[in-house]
Amino acid sequence: MIAKQTQAAWIVIVSALGLSACAPVSPWQRGTLAKSSMAIEPTPMQTMLSEHTHNSREAASANSSASGGGCGCY
C-alpha cells in the first residue's frame, strides 16, 4: 500500500518537474532557434565522415562491424 503511494508521489513529482521546463517561444525568437548552430548536430556530414574514418581504423575491435585493418594508420 505504501509502495504504491510512494510510486504515485514520484510520478507526480517527476511530471511536475518535466512540465515546468516548458516555456512559450515568441515568434521573433524562433529565427534564433532555427539557426544551424542551435541544432543538436550542426555539421551532420562532417560527423558522418569522421565516424566512417574512425570505424575504418578501429575495425579490429570486437564491437565494430566496419571493414578495414584496424591498425590506425592514416
PDB file of N, CA and C in Angstrom:
ATOM      1  N   MET A   1       0.833  -1.193   0.000  1.00  0.00           N
ATOM      2  CA  MET A   1       0.000   0.000   0.000  1.00  0.00           C
ATOM      3  C   MET A   1       0.872   1.249   0.000  1.00  0.00           C
ATOM      4  N   ILE A   2       1.873   1.266   0.874  1.00  0.00           N
ATOM      5  CA  ILE A   2       2.746   2.431   0.970  1.00  0.00           C
ATOM      6  C   ILE A   2       3.603   2.551  -0.278  1.00  0.00           C
ATOM      7  N   ALA A   3       4.015   1.430  -0.847  1.00  0.00           N
ATOM      8  CA  ALA A   3       4.846   1.448  -2.046  1.00  0.00           C
ATOM      9  C   ALA A   3       4.103   2.082  -3.215  1.00  0.00           C
ATOM     10  N   LYS A   4       2.817   1.792  -3.352  1.00  0.00           N
ATOM     11  CA  LYS A   4       2.020   2.380  -4.430  1.00  0.00           C
ATOM     12  C   LYS A   4       1.872   3.888  -4.232  1.00  0.00           C
ATOM     13  N   GLN A   5       1.704   4.319  -2.997  1.00  0.00           N
ATOM     14  CA  GLN A   5       1.581   5.748  -2.724  1.00  0.00           C
ATOM     15  C   GLN A   5       2.898   6.456  -3.008  1.00  0.00           C
ATOM     16  N   THR A   6       4.006   5.827  -2.649  1.00  0.00           N
ATOM     17  CA  THR A   6       5.321   6.406  -2.908  1.00  0.00           C
ATOM     18  C   THR A   6       5.577   6.492  -4.401  1.00  0.00           C
ATOM     19  N   GLN A   7       5.207   5.448  -5.116  1.00  0.00           N
ATOM     20  CA  GLN A   7       5.387   5.438  -6.563  1.00  0.00           C
ATOM     21  C   GLN A   7       4.526   6.522  -7.213  1.00  0.00           C
ATOM     22  N   ALA A   8       3.298   6.669  -6.762  1.00  0.00           N
ATOM     23  CA  ALA A   8       2.414   7.692  -7.299  1.00  0.00           C
ATOM     24  C   ALA A   8       2.957   9.088  -6.996  1.00  0.00           C
ATOM     25  N   ALA A   9       3.527   9.268  -5.823  1.00  0.00           N
ATOM     26  CA  ALA A   9       4.101  10.564  -5.460  1.00  0.00           C
ATOM     27  C   ALA A   9       5.285  10.894  -6.349  1.00  0.00           C
ATOM     28  N   TRP A  10       6.127   9.897  -6.628  1.00  0.00           N
ATOM     29  CA  TRP A  10       7.269  10.131  -7.510  1.00  0.00           C
ATOM     30  C   TRP A  10       6.814  10.469  -8.925  1.00  0.00           C
ATOM     31  N   ILE A  11       5.785   9.820  -9.400  1.00  0.00           N
ATOM     32  CA  ILE A  11       5.260  10.124 -10.740  1.00  0.00           C
ATOM     33  C   ILE A  11       4.751  11.549 -10.796  1.00  0.00           C
ATOM     34  N   VAL A  12       4.061  11.986  -9.774  1.00  0.00           N
ATOM     35  CA  VAL A  12       3.558  13.361  -9.735  1.00  0.00           C
ATOM     36  C   VAL A  12       4.711  14.356  -9.691  1.00  0.00           C
ATOM     37  N   ILE A  13       5.724  14.075  -8.906  1.00  0.00           N
ATOM     38  CA  ILE A  13       6.870  14.987  -8.784  1.00  0.00           C
ATOM     39  C   ILE A  13       7.627  15.085 -10.101  1.00  0.00           C
ATOM     40  N   VAL A  14       7.906  13.951 -10.722  1.00  0.00           N
ATOM     41  CA  VAL A  14       8.643  13.951 -11.990  1.00  0.00           C
ATOM     42  C   VAL A  14       7.829  14.637 -13.080  1.00  0.00           C
ATOM     43  N   SER A  15       6.535  14.407 -13.110  1.00  0.00           N
ATOM     44  CA  SER A  15       5.673  15.064 -14.102  1.00  0.00           C
ATOM     45  C   SER A  15       5.657  16.578 -13.899  1.00  0.00           C
ATOM     46  N   ALA A  16       5.576  17.011 -12.660  1.00  0.00           N
ATOM     47  CA  ALA A  16       5.570  18.442 -12.373  1.00  0.00           C
ATOM     48  C   ALA A  16       6.888  19.086 -12.789  1.00  0.00           C
ATOM     49  N   LEU A  17       7.998  18.430 -12.531  1.00  0.00           N
ATOM     50  CA  LEU A  17       9.295  18.966 -12.930  1.00  0.00           C
ATOM     51  C   LEU A  17       9.431  19.005 -14.449  1.00  0.00           C
ATOM     52  N   GLY A  18       8.927  17.991 -15.114  1.00  0.00           N
ATOM     53  CA  GLY A  18       9.003  17.954 -16.571  1.00  0.00           C
ATOM     54  C   GLY A  18       8.152  19.028 -17.226  1.00  0.00           C
ATOM     55  N   LEU A  19       6.994  19.261 -16.692  1.00  0.00           N
ATOM     56  CA  LEU A  19       6.106  20.270 -17.277  1.00  0.00           C
ATOM     57  C   LEU A  19       6.559  21.689 -16.964  1.00  0.00           C
ATOM     58  N   SER A  20       7.283  21.869 -15.888  1.00  0.00           N
ATOM     59  CA  SER A  20       7.728  23.218 -15.539  1.00  0.00           C
ATOM     60  C   SER A  20       8.851  23.700 -16.445  1.00  0.00           C
ATOM     61  N   ALA A  21       9.481  22.792 -17.185  1.00  0.00           N
ATOM     62  CA  ALA A  21      10.573  23.166 -18.080  1.00  0.00           C
ATOM     63  C   ALA A  21      10.070  23.723 -19.406  1.00  0.00           C
ATOM     64  N   CYS A  22       8.796  23.593 -19.682  1.00  0.00           N
ATOM     65  CA  CYS A  22       8.233  24.083 -20.939  1.00  0.00           C
ATOM     66  C   CYS A  22       8.011  25.591 -20.858  1.00  0.00           C
ATOM     67  N   ALA A  23       8.333  26.269 -21.948  1.00  0.00           N
ATOM     68  CA  ALA A  23       8.138  27.711 -21.994  1.00  0.00           C
ATOM     69  C   ALA A  23       7.699  28.101 -23.395  1.00  0.00           C
ATOM     70  N   PRO A  24       6.811  29.078 -23.510  1.00  0.00           N
ATOM     71  CA  PRO A  24       6.392  29.517 -24.841  1.00  0.00           C
ATOM     72  C   PRO A  24       7.524  30.265 -25.549  1.00  0.00           C
ATOM     73  N   VAL A  25       7.584  30.114 -26.865  1.00  0.00           N
ATOM     74  CA  VAL A  25       8.607  30.771 -27.663  1.00  0.00           C
ATOM     75  C   VAL A  25       7.930  31.840 -28.508  1.00  0.00           C
ATOM     76  N   SER A  26       8.419  33.048 -28.404  1.00  0.00           N
ATOM     77  CA  SER A  26       7.856  34.158 -29.177  1.00  0.00           C
ATOM     78  C   SER A  26       8.246  34.014 -30.645  1.00  0.00           C
ATOM     79  N   PRO A  27       7.432  34.567 -31.558  1.00  0.00           N
ATOM     80  CA  PRO A  27       7.747  34.455 -32.981  1.00  0.00           C
ATOM     81  C   PRO A  27       9.113  35.025 -33.347  1.00  0.00           C
ATOM     82  N   TRP A  28       9.555  36.097 -32.713  1.00  0.00           N
ATOM     83  CA  TRP A  28      10.851  36.690 -33.060  1.00  0.00           C
ATOM     84  C   TRP A  28      12.026  35.879 -32.504  1.00  0.00           C
ATOM     85  N   GLN A  29      11.753  34.964 -31.571  1.00  0.00           N
ATOM     86  CA  GLN A  29      12.793  34.103 -31.037  1.00  0.00           C
ATOM     87  C   GLN A  29      12.974  32.841 -31.876  1.00  0.00           C
ATOM     88  N   ARG A  30      12.001  32.513 -32.683  1.00  0.00           N
ATOM     89  CA  ARG A  30      12.071  31.282 -33.472  1.00  0.00           C
ATOM     90  C   ARG A  30      13.161  31.344 -34.527  1.00  0.00           C
ATOM     91  N   GLY A  31      13.455  32.522 -35.042  1.00  0.00           N
ATOM     92  CA  GLY A  31      14.534  32.659 -36.014  1.00  0.00           C
ATOM     93  C   GLY A  31      15.883  32.303 -35.411  1.00  0.00           C
ATOM     94  N   THR A  32      16.084  32.688 -34.165  1.00  0.00           N
ATOM     95  CA  THR A  32      17.339  32.364 -33.479  1.00  0.00           C
ATOM     96  C   THR A  32      17.435  30.867 -33.222  1.00  0.00           C
ATOM     97  N   LEU A  33      16.328  30.253 -32.838  1.00  0.00           N
ATOM     98  CA  LEU A  33      16.333  28.830 -32.544  1.00  0.00           C
ATOM     99  C   LEU A  33      16.449  27.974 -33.802  1.00  0.00           C
ATOM    100  N   ALA A  34      16.148  28.540 -34.972  1.00  0.00           N
ATOM    101  CA  ALA A  34      16.212  27.787 -36.222  1.00  0.00           C
ATOM    102  C   ALA A  34      17.606  27.803 -36.844  1.00  0.00           C
ATOM    103  N   LYS A  35      18.560  28.512 -36.262  1.00  0.00           N
ATOM    104  CA  LYS A  35      19.916  28.570 -36.815  1.00  0.00           C
ATOM    105  C   LYS A  35      20.580  27.199 -36.713  1.00  0.00           C
ATOM    106  N   SER A  36      21.480  26.924 -37.655  1.00  0.00           N
ATOM    107  CA  SER A  36      22.142  25.623 -37.667  1.00  0.00           C
ATOM    108  C   SER A  36      23.025  25.416 -36.436  1.00  0.00           C
ATOM    109  N   SER A  37      23.508  26.494 -35.851  1.00  0.00           N
ATOM    110  CA  SER A  37      24.348  26.349 -34.652  1.00  0.00           C
ATOM    111  C   SER A  37      23.545  25.875 -33.443  1.00  0.00           C
ATOM    112  N   MET A  38      22.225  25.989 -33.498  1.00  0.00           N
ATOM    113  CA  MET A  38      21.379  25.539 -32.395  1.00  0.00           C
ATOM    114  C   MET A  38      20.974  24.074 -32.547  1.00  0.00           C
ATOM    115  N   ALA A  39      21.347  23.451 -33.645  1.00  0.00           N
ATOM    116  CA  ALA A  39      20.990  22.054 -33.877  1.00  0.00           C
ATOM    117  C   ALA A  39      21.788  21.149 -32.950  1.00  0.00           C
ATOM    118  N   ILE A  40      21.250  19.975 -32.689  1.00  0.00           N
ATOM    119  CA  ILE A  40      21.962  19.004 -31.862  1.00  0.00           C
ATOM    120  C   ILE A  40      23.256  18.617 -32.554  1.00  0.00           C
ATOM    121  N   GLU A  41      23.202  18.451 -33.860  1.00  0.00           N
ATOM    122  CA  GLU A  41      24.385  18.126 -34.653  1.00  0.00           C
ATOM    123  C   GLU A  41      24.476  19.160 -35.779  1.00  0.00           C
ATOM    124  N   PRO A  42      25.254  20.241 -35.591  1.00  0.00           N
ATOM    125  CA  PRO A  42      25.286  21.320 -36.589  1.00  0.00           C
ATOM    126  C   PRO A  42      25.962  20.934 -37.898  1.00  0.00           C
ATOM    127  N   THR A  43      26.847  19.950 -37.891  1.00  0.00           N
ATOM    128  CA  THR A  43      27.534  19.537 -39.119  1.00  0.00           C
ATOM    129  C   THR A  43      27.371  18.029 -39.300  1.00  0.00           C
ATOM    130  N   PRO A  44      26.206  17.567 -39.773  1.00  0.00           N
ATOM    131  CA  PRO A  44      25.975  16.124 -39.847  1.00  0.00           C
ATOM    132  C   PRO A  44      26.875  15.406 -40.853  1.00  0.00           C
ATOM    133  N   MET A  45      27.194  16.041 -41.986  1.00  0.00           N
ATOM    134  CA  MET A  45      28.036  15.386 -42.978  1.00  0.00           C
ATOM    135  C   MET A  45      29.459  15.193 -42.458  1.00  0.00           C
ATOM    136  N   GLN A  46      29.988  16.203 -41.774  1.00  0.00           N
ATOM    137  CA  GLN A  46      31.334  16.095 -41.216  1.00  0.00           C
ATOM    138  C   GLN A  46      31.379  15.012 -40.136  1.00  0.00           C
ATOM    139  N   THR A  47      30.338  14.911 -39.344  1.00  0.00           N
ATOM    140  CA  THR A  47      30.283  13.888 -38.306  1.00  0.00           C
ATOM    141  C   THR A  47      30.226  12.493 -38.925  1.00  0.00           C
ATOM    142  N   MET A  48      29.435  12.346 -39.990  1.00  0.00           N
ATOM    143  CA  MET A  48      29.350  11.048 -40.655  1.00  0.00           C
ATOM    144  C   MET A  48      30.709  10.636 -41.222  1.00  0.00           C
ATOM    145  N   LEU A  49      31.430  11.580 -41.820  1.00  0.00           N
ATOM    146  CA  LEU A  49      32.747  11.289 -42.376  1.00  0.00           C
ATOM    147  C   LEU A  49      33.734  10.911 -41.270  1.00  0.00           C
ATOM    148  N   SER A  50      33.699  11.642 -40.181  1.00  0.00           N
ATOM    149  CA  SER A  50      34.595  11.337 -39.049  1.00  0.00           C
ATOM    150  C   SER A  50      34.298   9.960 -38.465  1.00  0.00           C
ATOM    151  N   GLU A  51      33.014   9.627 -38.319  1.00  0.00           N
ATOM    152  CA  GLU A  51      32.645   8.321 -37.790  1.00  0.00           C
ATOM    153  C   GLU A  51      33.059   7.205 -38.744  1.00  0.00           C
ATOM    154  N   HIS A  52      32.902   7.434 -40.039  1.00  0.00           N
ATOM    155  CA  HIS A  52      33.303   6.435 -41.025  1.00  0.00           C
ATOM    156  C   HIS A  52      34.819   6.195 -40.952  1.00  0.00           C
ATOM    157  N   THR A  53      35.573   7.275 -40.858  1.00  0.00           N
ATOM    158  CA  THR A  53      37.023   7.153 -40.765  1.00  0.00           C
ATOM    159  C   THR A  53      37.421   6.430 -39.483  1.00  0.00           C
ATOM    160  N   HIS A  54      36.805   6.784 -38.392  1.00  0.00           N
ATOM    161  CA  HIS A  54      37.108   6.141 -37.112  1.00  0.00           C
ATOM    162  C   HIS A  54      36.769   4.654 -37.158  1.00  0.00           C
ATOM    163  N   ASN A  55      35.601   4.318 -37.705  1.00  0.00           N
ATOM    164  CA  ASN A  55      35.193   2.912 -37.775  1.00  0.00           C
ATOM    165  C   ASN A  55      36.115   2.113 -38.684  1.00  0.00           C
ATOM    166  N   SER A  56      36.613   2.737 -39.741  1.00  0.00           N
ATOM    167  CA  SER A  56      37.533   2.034 -40.635  1.00  0.00           C
ATOM    168  C   SER A  56      38.849   1.728 -39.929  1.00  0.00           C
ATOM    169  N   ARG A  57      39.298   2.632 -39.084  1.00  0.00           N
ATOM    170  CA  ARG A  57      40.557   2.433 -38.369  1.00  0.00           C
ATOM    171  C   ARG A  57      40.410   1.477 -37.200  1.00  0.00           C
ATOM    172  N   GLU A  58      39.249   1.417 -36.625  1.00  0.00           N
ATOM    173  CA  GLU A  58      39.029   0.608 -35.433  1.00  0.00           C
ATOM    174  C   GLU A  58      38.280  -0.680 -35.750  1.00  0.00           C
ATOM    175  N   ALA A  59      38.402  -1.175 -36.962  1.00  0.00           N
ATOM    176  CA  ALA A  59      37.656  -2.368 -37.358  1.00  0.00           C
ATOM    177  C   ALA A  59      38.125  -3.617 -36.628  1.00  0.00           C
ATOM    178  N   ALA A  60      39.294  -3.603 -36.072  1.00  0.00           N
ATOM    179  CA  ALA A  60      39.796  -4.779 -35.374  1.00  0.00           C
ATOM    180  C   ALA A  60      39.141  -4.962 -34.011  1.00  0.00           C
ATOM    181  N   SER A  61      38.470  -3.945 -33.520  1.00  0.00           N
ATOM    182  CA  SER A  61      37.827  -4.089 -32.221  1.00  0.00           C
ATOM    183  C   SER A  61      36.614  -5.008 -32.341  1.00  0.00           C
ATOM    184  N   ALA A  62      36.256  -5.658 -31.278  1.00  0.00           N
ATOM    185  CA  ALA A  62      35.214  -6.681 -31.318  1.00  0.00           C
ATOM    186  C   ALA A  62      33.813  -6.105 -31.555  1.00  0.00           C
ATOM    187  N   ASN A  63      33.553  -4.875 -31.141  1.00  0.00           N
ATOM    188  CA  ASN A  63      32.217  -4.315 -31.232  1.00  0.00           C
ATOM    189  C   ASN A  63      31.940  -3.594 -32.541  1.00  0.00           C
ATOM    190  N   SER A  64      32.865  -3.554 -33.446  1.00  0.00           N
ATOM    191  CA  SER A  64      32.697  -2.818 -34.675  1.00  0.00           C
ATOM    192  C   SER A  64      32.326  -3.758 -35.811  1.00  0.00           C
ATOM    193  N   SER A  65      31.435  -3.302 -36.681  1.00  0.00           N
ATOM    194  CA  SER A  65      31.060  -4.103 -37.842  1.00  0.00           C
ATOM    195  C   SER A  65      31.669  -3.535 -39.110  1.00  0.00           C
ATOM    196  N   ALA A  66      32.561  -2.564 -38.990  1.00  0.00           N
ATOM    197  CA  ALA A  66      33.168  -1.934 -40.151  1.00  0.00           C
ATOM    198  C   ALA A  66      34.304  -2.802 -40.690  1.00  0.00           C
ATOM    199  N   SER A  67      34.632  -2.574 -41.963  1.00  0.00           N
ATOM    200  CA  SER A  67      35.738  -3.306 -42.542  1.00  0.00           C
ATOM    201  C   SER A  67      36.995  -2.449 -42.512  1.00  0.00           C
ATOM    202  N   GLY A  68      38.134  -3.075 -42.541  1.00  0.00           N
ATOM    203  CA  GLY A  68      39.399  -2.356 -42.534  1.00  0.00           C
ATOM    204  C   GLY A  68      40.417  -3.081 -41.683  1.00  0.00           C
ATOM    205  N   GLY A  69      41.622  -2.545 -41.701  1.00  0.00           N
ATOM    206  CA  GLY A  69      42.705  -3.217 -40.999  1.00  0.00           C
ATOM    207  C   GLY A  69      42.694  -3.012 -39.510  1.00  0.00           C
ATOM    208  N   GLY A  70      42.228  -1.878 -39.076  1.00  0.00           N
ATOM    209  CA  GLY A  70      42.198  -1.605 -37.651  1.00  0.00           C
ATOM    210  C   GLY A  70      43.536  -1.210 -37.075  1.00  0.00           C
ATOM    211  N   CYS A  71      44.497  -0.879 -37.948  1.00  0.00           N
ATOM    212  CA  CYS A  71      45.835  -0.556 -37.458  1.00  0.00           C
ATOM    213  C   CYS A  71      45.942   0.892 -36.991  1.00  0.00           C
ATOM    214  N   GLY A  72      45.007   1.748 -37.397  1.00  0.00           N
ATOM    215  CA  GLY A  72      45.048   3.152 -37.022  1.00  0.00           C
ATOM    216  C   GLY A  72      45.923   3.980 -37.926  1.00  0.00           C
ATOM    217  N   CYS A  73      46.341   3.437 -39.044  1.00  0.00           N
ATOM    218  CA  CYS A  73      47.211   4.169 -39.973  1.00  0.00           C
ATOM    219  C   CYS A  73      46.419   5.260 -40.697  1.00  0.00           C
ATOM    220  N   TYR A  74      47.120   6.279 -41.113  1.00  0.00           N
ATOM    221  CA  TYR A  74      46.468   7.349 -41.873  1.00  0.00           C
ATOM    222  C   TYR A  74      46.515   7.080 -43.338  1.00  0.00           C
TER     223      TYR A  74
END
